[in-house]
Amino acid sequence: MVMKRSESEQPDELRSQHPGSPSRQLRATSHLTLTDSRSATETPVINSHDGTTDDSTMEDLDNEGVHRLGHGVKELVVAINQLQQLGIEDVSGPTPKVAVIGDQSAGKSSVIEAISGIQVPRSDGCCTRCPLQITLTTDDEPGSNWHCKVSLLKNYVYSNSEAASGGMASHPFWPWCEFQPSRIDFASTSDKSEIREIISQAQMLTVNPQLGPLTYNAPQLQGLRPQVAFSPNVVHIEITGPELPTLSFYDLPGVFTQTERAEDAFYVEFVERLLYKYIAEDIHDGQVVMKNSTLVLLAVSMEVDRATCSAAKLVSKWGAEDRCVGVMTKPDRRPDGDSAKVWEKMLRGDIYRLGHGYYVTKNPSQAELNQGVGHDAARQLERQYFEHSTPWSTQLASFQERFGVENLQAALSQELARMALNSFPLIHERVQLRLERIDEELSQMPEPPVANAIHTVLDRLSVLTATISKRMDGEFAHNDFRLNFKQVRCRFKETIAAQRPKIIPSTNHDVVSAQRLLRSLSIHNTPTKRDAPITIDSSDEESVPMQPTPTKRRKAEKTEPGVPETPKRRRNVPKSRTAMDLDDIRKALDSLSTSDYAGEIEPKALNQLRKETLAQWDIPMSAFLDELEKALKEAIKITVDEALYAWKSSALYTQTLDIVDKYLGMQMHELRHTYAPRMLYLERLKPMTEATALLEGFVKNELDVLQNARYEARANVFFDQMANSGGKRVEPEERKKKILNDVQLKRDLGPDPYAREIEAMSRIRGYYSVASMRFVDNLCQAAQGDVLEKLKTGLHDELLTVLGLAENNAHANCVQLLAEDWQRELRRVELRDKRSKLCEAMTCLHELDAKYKTATASSASTLTRTSYRNVTPCQPSAESVPEDDAMDEA
C-alpha cells in the first residue's frame, strides 16, 4: 500500500489558483491517495474547491469509469462494511460511514440511485420511511454477476402502550424502544428491475411492526398500508458485482417541517432525532460522544433557494459542516433567469461553506426513467450535459471535476478509506480490551460439567476449606480475619479494663478536717507551736454534716487520671462498684466484718466487694462474641465467594454457604451459651488465684496509686478551704509543688483517716487486674479452640456429609449441585455471541494490518495506545494473509 501527499506534486499555480478558497477540502482527494502495489490505477486528486485535476489523472478517469478506484480503497471500505454488519459499534466506537440527507423532494433519491446503480422507491412526498443502509462491493472474480441481498436489521421494538407519557424523554424514538439486535433475511435477487419493489416491501414491513418476520412477496405485504409513518429500524441493501464503486452509505428520511394532519406533527421531531443519531451523536461505553466518523452528504435542490434548505440548517445546528459534502441536484430545473453567480460562490466556498465543498449531479427525470434510461446511459447523458450546457461548460467550466456522479463516487470512496485508516487502530484497541473483559467473565462461568462433576465439586470444596483454614491461622495473603480478630480481642480487653473499680478520693470528712486544721493553725501560728500535727477524731466529722459547694464537689469527685469512665449500666443488672465512695467502702467493711479487732480488714468482706466489681462482665463478653461471629461470617462469605465464584448461580454455592453458616452458628451457640457463661460463673463464684506474686505486685502498685491520689485530694480540699476562708489563694502550679515537696503540709494533714479503706481498695483493684486478665485470656482461648479450630478440622467433613458426597448417588448429587439457572446460561450465550463478532472484527483488522502496516502505523501515530500486533485473542494465522500480499510486503 502506498500513501503519498498528492498536493505537493502539483504545480504551484494550481494549488494557489483560488487563494480565498477554504483550506478544508474533501481530504481523501486533497491530501491522501491510496493505491495497491498490484494496481497502477489511482483516483483523481482534487486540489481545492475549484475542482482542478491533474490532466493525466482526468484522462484515466474518462477511460476507466467506475472501476478506476484503487484496490486498497476498496478493501478498506469493505472492512468498514464488515465491522458495521457485525453490530459492534457499542464496543469499537463509530465506524466511518456516509449519511445522505436532504429535504423532501430535494432529489435525494436520484442521488442514491446514481451512486448505487439501483432504483429506490420514489414519490412526490415521503419515500424513505426508515434508514436504508446501502453497501456496494465490487466483485472482480471472472464470471461474477450483479447480486443484491436485502435484510432487516431490527434494533427496536414498537410499544403499543399509550400510558407512558414522557416516553420521548427516555426513548428518543418513542414509541419505539431499544431491543436485542437481530437480523432477518428478507430477499435476494440478481434482477435489478426487482430491487425497487423489494425495498418498498421491506420498508412497508418495517413500518408495520405488528407483523412478524416475513419474506419478499408474502401475501400479507400485498396492498399493505403503513401502521406508523417512520421506523428507526434499518433496511440493509448489500450489492455486489463487477465494476461497482466500493462504498457504504445510509439513506435517511427527508427533512420536513409540516404534516398534513395535526396528530402527525410529532414525526417532524422524530425524523430530526433519527438524523441526529446518524449525523451528530454516538453512544460508546454508555457515554454520549459527538460523532466525527460520519461523512454527511447533503442533497440541495437547485430549483429552490439554498437559504431555505431545512436539512442544511440541521447540519449547521449540529456543527457538522466540516465533515459535510454538498450535492446540488436538479441543475436542469433552475428557475428561469437564475444567475450562476450564487452557485459559483458556493462552489468556490465563498457562501454556505461546507468542509468538503459542493458537487453537482444531473440525474434522469421521471419521464426519462419511464422511457427506460438506465444507469450507464444516465451517466453518459450527465457527462454530455455538463460538457455542453451553460453555465457548466462556460462560466463554471473550471469546476468540471466537481460535476457528475462518478467524481462524487470517487471522492466519497477515497474519503471513507482515509477515515478508515485513521479509525482502525483505535477500533482495534477497543475491541481488544472488550475481548479481554469478555474472556475474563466467561472464565468465571464455565459450563456445568457432567462427566467430572464429582471431581469439580470436591476440588472446589477442598479449595474452600483450605482457604478457611489459612484464614483462621492468619497465613500471609489470607490474614485479613486474623487481623480483625486481633482488634476484636483488644476491644474486649479494653472494655473489661474500663470496668476496673474506681474511688472518689475525697469525702465530706476532708472538708471538716481542713476547716479544723485552719482554725488550729490560726491559733498555733508560730513554727515552734506547729511541730505537732493536728488530729481529728470521728466525733469531729459527725458534728458537722457539711456538704461541699458545687465547685468543690466537682473537684472532689475527680477520679484518678487516665482511667476511662465507667460504661453505662444495663437495666436489671446488679449494681457494679465501679466508682466507690470511701464512706460506702467503710460501711461495707464494717457491716461485713465479724472480726473483734478494730481496723482489721475482713477477708469475707473483701471477697464480697471483689465479686461486686464483676457484675457487668456479661455486657463486654456478649459484645465480644457478637463481634467475633460477625468477623467470622464476613471471612467465610469472602472465602466462599472466592472459591465458588464460577458457580455462584448454582445450588453448590447457595447450599455450601448455608451449610457453613449453620456450622459456624452451631459452634458459636455452644461457645455463647455453654463455655462463656461457665467461665463467667466461675469468676463470680469465689475470688481465688494461685498467681500470688502477680497479685501482690498489682496490690502494691494500686496502693501507691491510691495513697497518692488520696493525699492529693486532701491537700486540694485544704487549699480550697483556705481560699474560701479569706486566706492566701494558692495557684495550681504552686499547689502541685507544695503537694510534692512540702513536708510540713504532710505533717499538718496527718494520717489518713481512710487508710483502711484505701488498703482494701488496693486489694480489690489488684485482684480485678488478675481476674480480668484471666477471663479475657480464657474466653479468647475458648474462641480459638472451640470455634476456629473446629472450622479448620470439622467443616470439610460436614460439607461432604450434608451435600451427600459420601452417598452412593454422589455423582447425581454433584450434577444437580452444579446445574445453573437460565439467566446465567443466557448470559454465557450472549457473551459468546458477542465474542464471536469481536473475533471476526479482530480477524478483519489483523488482515488489514498485515497488508497496510505502514499506513495504519502512520495514521495512528498520534494515538496513545499499545501496539496491537502483539495481541493474542482471535489473532488470525499466517495463512490468512494471501501469498501474493506477503510477496508485496517483502
Foldseek 3Di string as FASTA:
>chain_A
DDKDFVQVVDDPCQLCVPVPFDPQALCLQQGIWDAAPVDPFTAWHAHTLLRDTDPVNVVVCVVQPLLRHHPLLQLLLVLLVLLVVLVCCLQLPDAFAAEEAFAQPLCSQLLVCLQFQAHADDDNGWRFFEKEKEWEHEDPDPPWAKKKWKKWWDQWAADPDPPDPVVCVVPVQPVIDGDDIDMGTADMDRDRVCVHVQNSLVQQCQQARVDDDYHPPDPVSPPGDGPDRHHHIYMYMYIYYHSHQGHIHMYAIYADCDDPDPVCNVVNSNSLVSVCDQQFWDAYPNDIDTDDNYQYEYRGEQQDDRVPIPVLVSCVVRVNQLRYEYEYEDPVNHDPPDDCPVVLCQSSQNPSHGSHGYAYEYADDPVVVVVPQGNVNRQVVQVVCLCPDPPNVPPSVSNVCRYGSSSVSSSNSSSSSLSSLLSLVSSLQSLQVVLVVLVVVDVLADDQDAPCLLVLLLVLLVQLLVLLLCCLVCPPPNVPLVVLLVVLLVVLLLLLQLLQAWEQLDDLLLLLLLVVLVVVCVVQVDPVSLPAADDDDPVSSVVDPDDDDPVLVVLSRDIFPPRDHHDDDDPPFPDANRYYYLVVLVVLQVVPDPDPDPLDGDPVSLFVNLLSSLRRSVVSVVVSLVSSLVSSLVSSVVSLCVSNVNQCQFLSSVVLNVLLNVLLVVLSCCLSPPVLVVLSCVCNVTQDDPPVVQLVVQLVVQLVSSVLVNLLSSLVSSLVVCVVVPHDRDDPVNSVVCSVPVPSSDSHSPDDPSSSSSSSSSSSSSSSVVSSVVSSVSSSVCCSPRRSVCSNPPSSVSCCVVLVCVDPVNSVSSSRRRDGDPVSVVVSVVSVSSSVSSLVSNQSSLQVCLQPVVSSCVSCVPPDDDDSVPDDPSRDDPVVHDPVSVVVVD
